[in-house]
């Protein structure tokens, strides 16, 4: 705690992580930071697509967009940060560059994990203990604060929507034939990291048809570069689902927020759903649900835990049994159980 006794902390800069799912998992740590420094101005430095996650967050006073395009823009950013005279930087991003930016910006307290060979740039530098690596990623960010002597609380992640965004989603869905009294099942068949995280599109199609035949409206979501996956699912279906029309992170979140259940691979939208308190049916294969599973009440995880899983590979090098063993019937009944509850 010695670092926080050197001077009063009035201005804090958080360097966000660069993935949407991970950014959502930092929100409990942001909340704990606010509770430790209730009077400080907290700014967050984030890439454009990640910055959307923090809009409307009551623990954040300002979002600063970071576009890493060329040296000139980086130097202008450092100059701007130096002029703001931050007292402390909290580096949730583990990159060497994040520590360099904080140092060159003249921020005296630079809190981060001593990864990527950057420990000498930090003050304080928090070592990663083996037990920390075994915990959920949400706790990984909390433990950074705890390692520096701050008080932390484990709570579910948050994502805040305003009334305009909620109304936009309702209007879009009504135009597609949805009635607010009808259950809405979100299906997210993509996963940015690679095919090893994706359940089969043909099984998502069979699942969607079964749900639609039960009177449950299905909306299929996609992320950047995943239109082909959605088209494959839609073309294999015999019923007609709603296709998500959201083009921004906020629009995507607004539509997810209207779902009664969200069926997804391990990916960013899965964490968006959990942060919006939408019950998730999460399908895991190559990744570890203990590390990146949805956080909160009412979620269900389907994971077979075969001998080669979690492998964390982008492509399966064997027989893909971790996903092959997950049947349409199993996912359907679990999703229906979630809806009943």
Protein backbone atom coordinates (compact mmCIF):
# COMPACT_ATOMS: atom_id res chain seq x y z
CA UNK A 1 0.00 0.00 0.00
CA UNK A 2 3.04 2.28 0.22
CA UNK A 3 2.61 3.53 -3.36
CA UNK A 4 -0.81 4.94 -2.58
CA UNK A 5 0.41 6.82 0.46
CA UNK A 6 2.95 8.89 -1.50
CA UNK A 7 0.32 11.38 -2.68
CA UNK A 8 -3.39 11.78 -3.04
CA UNK A 9 -4.69 9.97 -6.11
CA UNK A 10 -6.84 12.41 -8.07
CA UNK A 11 -6.50 11.17 -11.65
CA UNK A 12 -6.33 7.52 -12.73
CA UNK A 13 -5.74 6.16 -16.22
CA UNK A 14 -6.76 2.57 -17.01
CA UNK A 15 -5.24 0.89 -20.07
CA UNK A 16 -7.93 -1.47 -21.30
CA UNK A 17 -7.40 -4.89 -22.84
CA UNK A 18 -8.11 -5.23 -26.57
CA UNK A 19 -10.75 -7.99 -26.70
CA UNK A 20 -14.42 -7.33 -25.98
CA UNK A 21 -14.93 -10.38 -23.77
CA UNK A 22 -11.83 -9.61 -21.71
CA UNK A 23 -12.85 -5.96 -21.43
CA UNK A 24 -16.18 -7.00 -19.93
CA UNK A 25 -14.35 -9.19 -17.42
CA UNK A 26 -12.37 -6.14 -16.23
CA UNK A 27 -15.52 -4.26 -15.12
CA UNK A 28 -15.55 -5.75 -11.58
CA UNK A 29 -11.93 -4.59 -11.17
CA UNK A 30 -12.93 -1.13 -12.43
CA UNK A 31 -15.70 -1.10 -9.83
CA UNK A 32 -13.24 -2.06 -7.08
CA UNK A 33 -10.87 0.67 -8.24
CA UNK A 34 -13.67 3.22 -7.93
CA UNK A 35 -14.44 2.02 -4.39
CA UNK A 36 -10.79 2.40 -3.40
CA UNK A 37 -10.60 5.92 -4.88
CA UNK A 38 -14.15 7.33 -4.74
CA UNK A 39 -13.05 10.93 -5.35
CA UNK A 40 -10.67 10.29 -8.26
CA UNK A 41 -11.37 10.99 -11.92
CA UNK A 42 -11.05 7.66 -13.73
CA UNK A 43 -10.28 7.66 -17.46
CA UNK A 44 -9.93 4.56 -19.62
CA UNK A 45 -7.73 4.27 -22.70
CA UNK A 46 -9.23 1.76 -25.13
CA UNK A 47 -9.31 0.73 -28.78
CA UNK A 48 -12.40 2.02 -30.65
CA UNK A 49 -14.29 -1.30 -30.69
CA UNK A 50 -13.59 -1.97 -27.01
CA UNK A 51 -14.41 1.59 -25.88
CA UNK A 52 -18.10 0.88 -26.55
CA UNK A 53 -18.15 -1.54 -23.62
CA UNK A 54 -17.43 1.24 -21.12
CA UNK A 55 -19.98 3.82 -22.28
CA UNK A 56 -22.50 4.48 -19.53
CA UNK A 57 -20.36 2.75 -16.90
CA UNK A 58 -20.86 4.80 -13.68
CA UNK A 59 -17.34 3.95 -12.47
CA UNK A 60 -15.69 5.61 -15.47
CA UNK A 61 -15.61 9.37 -16.02
CA UNK A 62 -13.99 9.45 -19.44
CA UNK A 63 -13.22 7.16 -22.37
CA UNK A 64 -10.11 8.00 -24.42
CA UNK A 65 -9.88 6.33 -27.81
CA UNK A 66 -6.52 4.77 -28.70
CA UNK A 67 -5.91 4.16 -32.39
CA UNK A 68 -2.53 2.54 -32.93
CA UNK A 69 -1.96 3.62 -36.52
CA UNK A 70 1.43 5.31 -36.72
CA UNK A 71 4.26 6.75 -34.65
CA UNK A 72 2.95 10.30 -34.99
CA UNK A 73 -0.41 9.44 -33.43
CA UNK A 74 1.28 7.54 -30.61
CA UNK A 75 3.47 10.54 -29.81
CA UNK A 76 0.44 12.86 -29.85
CA UNK A 77 -1.34 10.52 -27.48
CA UNK A 78 1.65 10.47 -25.09
CA UNK A 79 1.81 14.27 -25.23
CA UNK A 80 -1.91 14.52 -24.45
CA UNK A 81 -1.64 12.08 -21.53
CA UNK A 82 1.38 13.95 -20.15
CA UNK A 83 -0.59 17.23 -20.23
CA UNK A 84 -3.41 15.61 -18.22
CA UNK A 85 -0.98 14.81 -15.37
CA UNK A 86 -2.37 11.47 -14.26
CA UNK A 87 -1.34 10.28 -10.80
CA UNK A 88 -1.68 6.56 -11.49
CA UNK A 89 -1.99 4.15 -14.40
CA UNK A 90 -3.60 0.73 -14.04
CA UNK A 91 -2.45 -1.51 -16.89
CA UNK A 92 -4.95 -4.32 -17.42
CA UNK A 93 -3.31 -4.89 -20.80
CA UNK A 94 -0.17 -6.96 -20.32
CA UNK A 95 1.74 -5.58 -23.32
CA UNK A 96 5.18 -3.98 -23.06
CA UNK A 97 3.84 -1.03 -25.06
CA UNK A 98 1.22 -0.22 -22.39
CA UNK A 99 3.99 0.22 -19.79
CA UNK A 100 6.08 2.35 -22.17
CA UNK A 101 3.13 4.67 -22.84
CA UNK A 102 2.50 5.09 -19.10
CA UNK A 103 6.18 5.79 -18.43
CA UNK A 104 6.60 8.31 -21.25
CA UNK A 105 3.35 10.00 -20.20
CA UNK A 106 5.01 10.88 -16.90
CA UNK A 107 2.60 8.86 -14.74
CA UNK A 108 4.42 8.23 -11.44
CA UNK A 109 2.46 5.16 -10.28
CA UNK A 110 2.26 2.47 -12.97
CA UNK A 111 0.47 -0.64 -11.70
CA UNK A 112 0.71 -3.78 -13.81
CA UNK A 113 1.68 -7.43 -13.92
CA UNK A 114 5.39 -8.06 -14.53
CA UNK A 115 4.79 -9.85 -17.84
CA UNK A 116 6.33 -9.36 -21.28
CA UNK A 117 9.65 -8.30 -19.74
CA UNK A 118 8.24 -4.98 -18.58
CA UNK A 119 8.63 -5.26 -14.80
CA UNK A 120 11.38 -2.63 -14.64
CA UNK A 121 8.98 -0.07 -16.19
CA UNK A 122 6.34 -0.54 -13.50
CA UNK A 123 5.86 0.90 -10.06
CA UNK A 124 4.51 -1.24 -8.51
CA UNK A 125 5.20 -4.37 -10.53
CA UNK A 126 2.97 -7.28 -9.45
CA UNK A 127 4.30 -10.80 -10.05
CA UNK A 128 1.88 -13.42 -11.38
CA UNK A 129 1.54 -16.29 -8.96
CA UNK A 130 0.80 -19.80 -10.32
CA UNK A 131 -2.51 -19.90 -8.45
CA UNK A 132 -3.57 -16.64 -10.10
CA UNK A 133 -3.17 -18.17 -13.55
CA UNK A 134 -5.53 -21.00 -12.56
CA UNK A 135 -8.36 -18.66 -11.62
CA UNK A 136 -11.08 -17.15 -13.76
CA UNK A 137 -9.92 -14.22 -15.92
CA UNK A 138 -12.25 -11.93 -13.99
CA UNK A 139 -10.24 -12.68 -10.85
CA UNK A 140 -6.98 -12.23 -12.77
CA UNK A 141 -7.75 -8.51 -13.09
CA UNK A 142 -8.94 -8.25 -9.50
CA UNK A 143 -5.73 -9.85 -8.26
CA UNK A 144 -3.69 -7.16 -9.97
CA UNK A 145 -5.31 -4.62 -7.66
CA UNK A 146 -5.05 -6.91 -4.66
CA UNK A 147 -1.35 -7.49 -5.38
CA UNK A 148 -0.81 -3.75 -4.92
CA UNK A 149 -2.61 -3.71 -1.57
CA UNK A 150 -6.04 -2.51 -2.74
CA UNK A 151 -9.34 -3.94 -1.55
CA UNK A 152 -11.29 -5.89 -4.16
CA UNK A 153 -14.73 -7.45 -4.45
CA UNK A 154 -15.69 -10.30 -6.78
CA UNK A 155 -18.95 -9.34 -8.46
CA UNK A 156 -20.53 -10.07 -11.85
CA UNK A 157 -19.40 -8.02 -14.86
CA UNK A 158 -21.60 -5.15 -16.03
CA UNK A 159 -22.67 -3.61 -19.32
CA UNK A 160 -24.95 -0.58 -19.15
CA UNK A 161 -27.57 0.20 -21.82
CA UNK A 162 -29.58 3.41 -21.97
CA UNK A 163 -33.31 3.65 -22.70
CA UNK A 164 -32.74 4.82 -26.28
CA UNK A 165 -30.69 1.71 -27.03
CA UNK A 166 -33.28 -0.58 -25.46
CA UNK A 167 -36.08 1.06 -27.45
CA UNK A 168 -34.06 0.75 -30.66
CA UNK A 169 -33.72 -3.02 -30.11
CA UNK A 170 -37.45 -3.46 -29.42
CA UNK A 171 -38.38 -1.52 -32.56
CA UNK A 172 -36.00 -3.57 -34.75
CA UNK A 173 -37.29 -6.86 -33.38
CA UNK A 174 -40.94 -5.87 -33.75
CA UNK A 175 -40.34 -5.02 -37.41
CA UNK A 176 -39.03 -8.58 -37.79
CA UNK A 177 -42.23 -10.04 -36.32
CA UNK A 178 -41.25 -10.47 -32.67
CA UNK A 179 -43.84 -9.89 -29.96
CA UNK A 180 -42.57 -8.87 -26.52
CA UNK A 181 -44.58 -11.71 -24.97
CA UNK A 182 -42.73 -14.30 -27.05
CA UNK A 183 -39.49 -15.88 -25.78
CA UNK A 184 -36.44 -14.88 -27.81
CA UNK A 185 -33.45 -17.20 -28.12
CA UNK A 186 -30.15 -15.71 -29.25
CA UNK A 187 -27.77 -17.98 -31.14
CA UNK A 188 -24.12 -17.02 -31.66
CA UNK A 189 -22.43 -19.62 -33.91
CA UNK A 190 -19.14 -17.78 -34.49
CA UNK A 191 -15.94 -17.33 -32.50
CA UNK A 192 -13.17 -14.97 -33.53
CA UNK A 193 -10.22 -16.99 -32.23
CA UNK A 194 -10.68 -19.96 -34.58
CA UNK A 195 -12.73 -22.96 -35.65
CA UNK A 196 -11.69 -25.05 -32.64
CA UNK A 197 -13.99 -22.87 -30.51
CA UNK A 198 -16.99 -23.31 -32.81
CA UNK A 199 -19.69 -25.93 -32.52
CA UNK A 200 -20.84 -27.20 -35.92
CA UNK A 201 -22.99 -24.77 -38.01
CA UNK A 202 -25.24 -27.66 -39.08
CA UNK A 203 -25.99 -28.44 -35.43
CA UNK A 204 -26.74 -24.79 -34.68
CA UNK A 205 -29.18 -24.92 -37.62
CA UNK A 206 -30.93 -28.04 -36.29
CA UNK A 207 -31.07 -26.49 -32.81
CA UNK A 208 -32.55 -23.26 -34.16
CA UNK A 209 -35.22 -25.17 -36.10
CA UNK A 210 -36.22 -27.14 -33.00
CA UNK A 211 -36.53 -23.97 -30.96
CA UNK A 212 -38.57 -22.24 -33.68
CA UNK A 213 -40.86 -25.26 -33.94
CA UNK A 214 -41.49 -24.93 -30.20
CA UNK A 215 -42.73 -21.35 -30.67
CA UNK A 216 -39.46 -19.74 -29.60
CA UNK A 217 -38.24 -16.95 -31.87
CA UNK A 218 -34.57 -17.30 -32.80
CA UNK A 219 -32.21 -14.43 -33.59
CA UNK A 220 -28.80 -15.32 -35.01
CA UNK A 221 -25.85 -13.07 -34.20
CA UNK A 222 -22.51 -12.59 -35.92
CA UNK A 223 -19.29 -10.75 -35.27
CA UNK A 224 -16.79 -9.23 -37.71
CA UNK A 225 -15.95 -11.67 -40.49
CA UNK A 226 -18.63 -14.17 -39.43
CA UNK A 227 -21.34 -13.45 -42.03
CA UNK A 228 -20.50 -16.68 -43.88
CA UNK A 229 -21.12 -18.72 -40.73
CA UNK A 230 -24.50 -17.07 -40.21
CA UNK A 231 -25.43 -17.64 -43.87
CA UNK A 232 -24.52 -21.32 -43.56
CA UNK A 233 -26.68 -21.73 -40.45
CA UNK A 234 -29.60 -19.85 -42.04
CA UNK A 235 -29.39 -21.78 -45.34
CA UNK A 236 -29.47 -25.11 -43.51
CA UNK A 237 -32.62 -24.17 -41.58
CA UNK A 238 -36.19 -25.03 -42.61
CA UNK A 239 -37.65 -22.18 -40.53
CA UNK A 240 -36.95 -18.45 -40.85
CA UNK A 241 -34.97 -16.88 -37.99
CA UNK A 242 -34.25 -13.22 -37.34
CA UNK A 243 -30.76 -12.17 -38.44
CA UNK A 244 -29.10 -9.59 -36.22
CA UNK A 245 -28.88 -6.21 -37.92
CA UNK A 246 -26.71 -4.50 -35.33
CA UNK A 247 -23.61 -2.98 -36.86
CA UNK A 248 -21.96 -1.65 -33.69
CA UNK A 249 -21.02 -3.14 -30.35
CA UNK A 250 -23.77 -1.13 -28.65
CA UNK A 251 -26.41 -2.29 -31.15
CA UNK A 252 -25.30 -5.88 -30.72
CA UNK A 253 -25.55 -5.52 -26.94
CA UNK A 254 -29.00 -3.93 -27.21
CA UNK A 255 -30.35 -6.89 -29.18
CA UNK A 256 -28.69 -9.46 -26.92
CA UNK A 257 -30.29 -7.71 -23.95
CA UNK A 258 -33.77 -8.63 -25.22
CA UNK A 259 -33.02 -12.37 -25.34
CA UNK A 260 -34.50 -14.83 -22.87
CA UNK A 261 -31.59 -17.22 -23.41
CA UNK A 262 -28.30 -16.82 -25.29
CA UNK A 263 -26.71 -19.93 -26.80
CA UNK A 264 -23.10 -19.31 -27.72
CA UNK A 265 -19.58 -20.57 -28.20
CA UNK A 266 -16.89 -19.13 -25.91
CA UNK A 267 -16.64 -15.62 -27.34
CA UNK A 268 -17.15 -11.91 -26.61
CA UNK A 269 -20.94 -11.82 -27.13
CA UNK A 270 -21.26 -14.62 -24.55
CA UNK A 271 -19.73 -12.29 -21.95
CA UNK A 272 -21.91 -9.43 -23.19
CA UNK A 273 -24.99 -11.58 -22.49
CA UNK A 274 -23.83 -12.51 -18.99
CA UNK A 275 -23.05 -8.85 -18.23
CA UNK A 276 -26.58 -7.96 -19.36
CA UNK A 277 -28.00 -10.64 -17.00
CA UNK A 278 -29.23 -12.77 -19.92
CA UNK A 279 -29.01 -16.50 -19.05
CA UNK A 280 -26.32 -18.13 -21.18
CA UNK A 281 -26.05 -21.67 -22.49
CA UNK A 282 -22.32 -21.76 -23.25
CA UNK A 283 -20.69 -24.38 -25.49
CA UNK A 284 -17.02 -25.03 -24.70
CA UNK A 285 -14.55 -27.20 -26.58
CA UNK A 286 -10.93 -26.09 -26.94
CA UNK A 287 -11.02 -23.51 -24.14
CA UNK A 288 -11.44 -23.71 -20.37
CA UNK A 289 -14.81 -22.78 -18.82
CA UNK A 290 -13.13 -22.39 -15.42
CA UNK A 291 -11.09 -19.54 -16.90
CA UNK A 292 -13.49 -17.86 -19.31
CA UNK A 293 -16.96 -19.18 -18.56
CA UNK A 294 -19.93 -16.81 -18.13
CA UNK A 295 -20.13 -15.20 -14.69
CA UNK A 296 -23.37 -14.75 -12.75
CA UNK A 297 -26.58 -16.57 -11.96
CA UNK A 298 -28.60 -18.84 -14.24
CA UNK A 299 -25.90 -19.77 -16.77
CA UNK A 300 -25.29 -23.32 -18.00
CA UNK A 301 -22.02 -24.62 -19.44
CA UNK A 302 -21.75 -27.60 -21.79
CA UNK A 303 -18.22 -29.00 -21.74
CA UNK A 304 -17.09 -32.60 -22.19
CA UNK A 305 -13.59 -32.25 -20.74
CA UNK A 306 -12.00 -34.86 -23.01
CA UNK A 307 -8.36 -35.78 -22.43
CA UNK A 308 -6.98 -33.26 -24.96
CA UNK A 309 -9.17 -30.38 -23.83
CA UNK A 310 -8.60 -27.54 -23.15
CA UNK A 311 -5.95 -27.33 -25.87
CA UNK A 312 -6.42 -23.61 -26.71
CA UNK A 313 -5.66 -24.31 -30.38
CA UNK A 314 -7.22 -22.38 -33.27
CA UNK A 315 -7.66 -25.58 -35.29
CA UNK A 316 -8.26 -29.09 -34.00
CA UNK A 317 -5.38 -31.44 -34.83
CA UNK A 318 -7.25 -34.61 -33.83
CA UNK A 319 -10.89 -35.65 -34.18
CA UNK A 320 -12.69 -32.62 -32.66
CA UNK A 321 -14.35 -34.91 -30.14
CA UNK A 322 -14.74 -32.08 -27.61
CA UNK A 323 -17.41 -30.58 -29.89
CA UNK A 324 -18.53 -33.80 -31.59
CA UNK A 325 -19.77 -35.19 -28.26
CA UNK A 326 -22.10 -32.19 -27.75
CA UNK A 327 -25.41 -33.13 -29.36
CA UNK A 328 -28.27 -30.99 -30.61
CA UNK A 329 -30.61 -32.81 -28.25
CA UNK A 330 -28.44 -31.96 -25.20
CA UNK A 331 -28.16 -28.27 -26.05
CA UNK A 332 -31.87 -28.05 -26.88
CA UNK A 333 -32.99 -29.51 -23.55
CA UNK A 334 -30.57 -27.37 -21.54
CA UNK A 335 -31.70 -24.22 -23.36
CA UNK A 336 -35.34 -25.15 -22.78
CA UNK A 337 -34.59 -25.70 -19.08
CA UNK A 338 -32.98 -22.27 -18.88
CA UNK A 339 -36.07 -20.74 -20.50
CA UNK A 340 -38.37 -22.52 -18.05
CA UNK A 341 -36.39 -21.17 -15.12
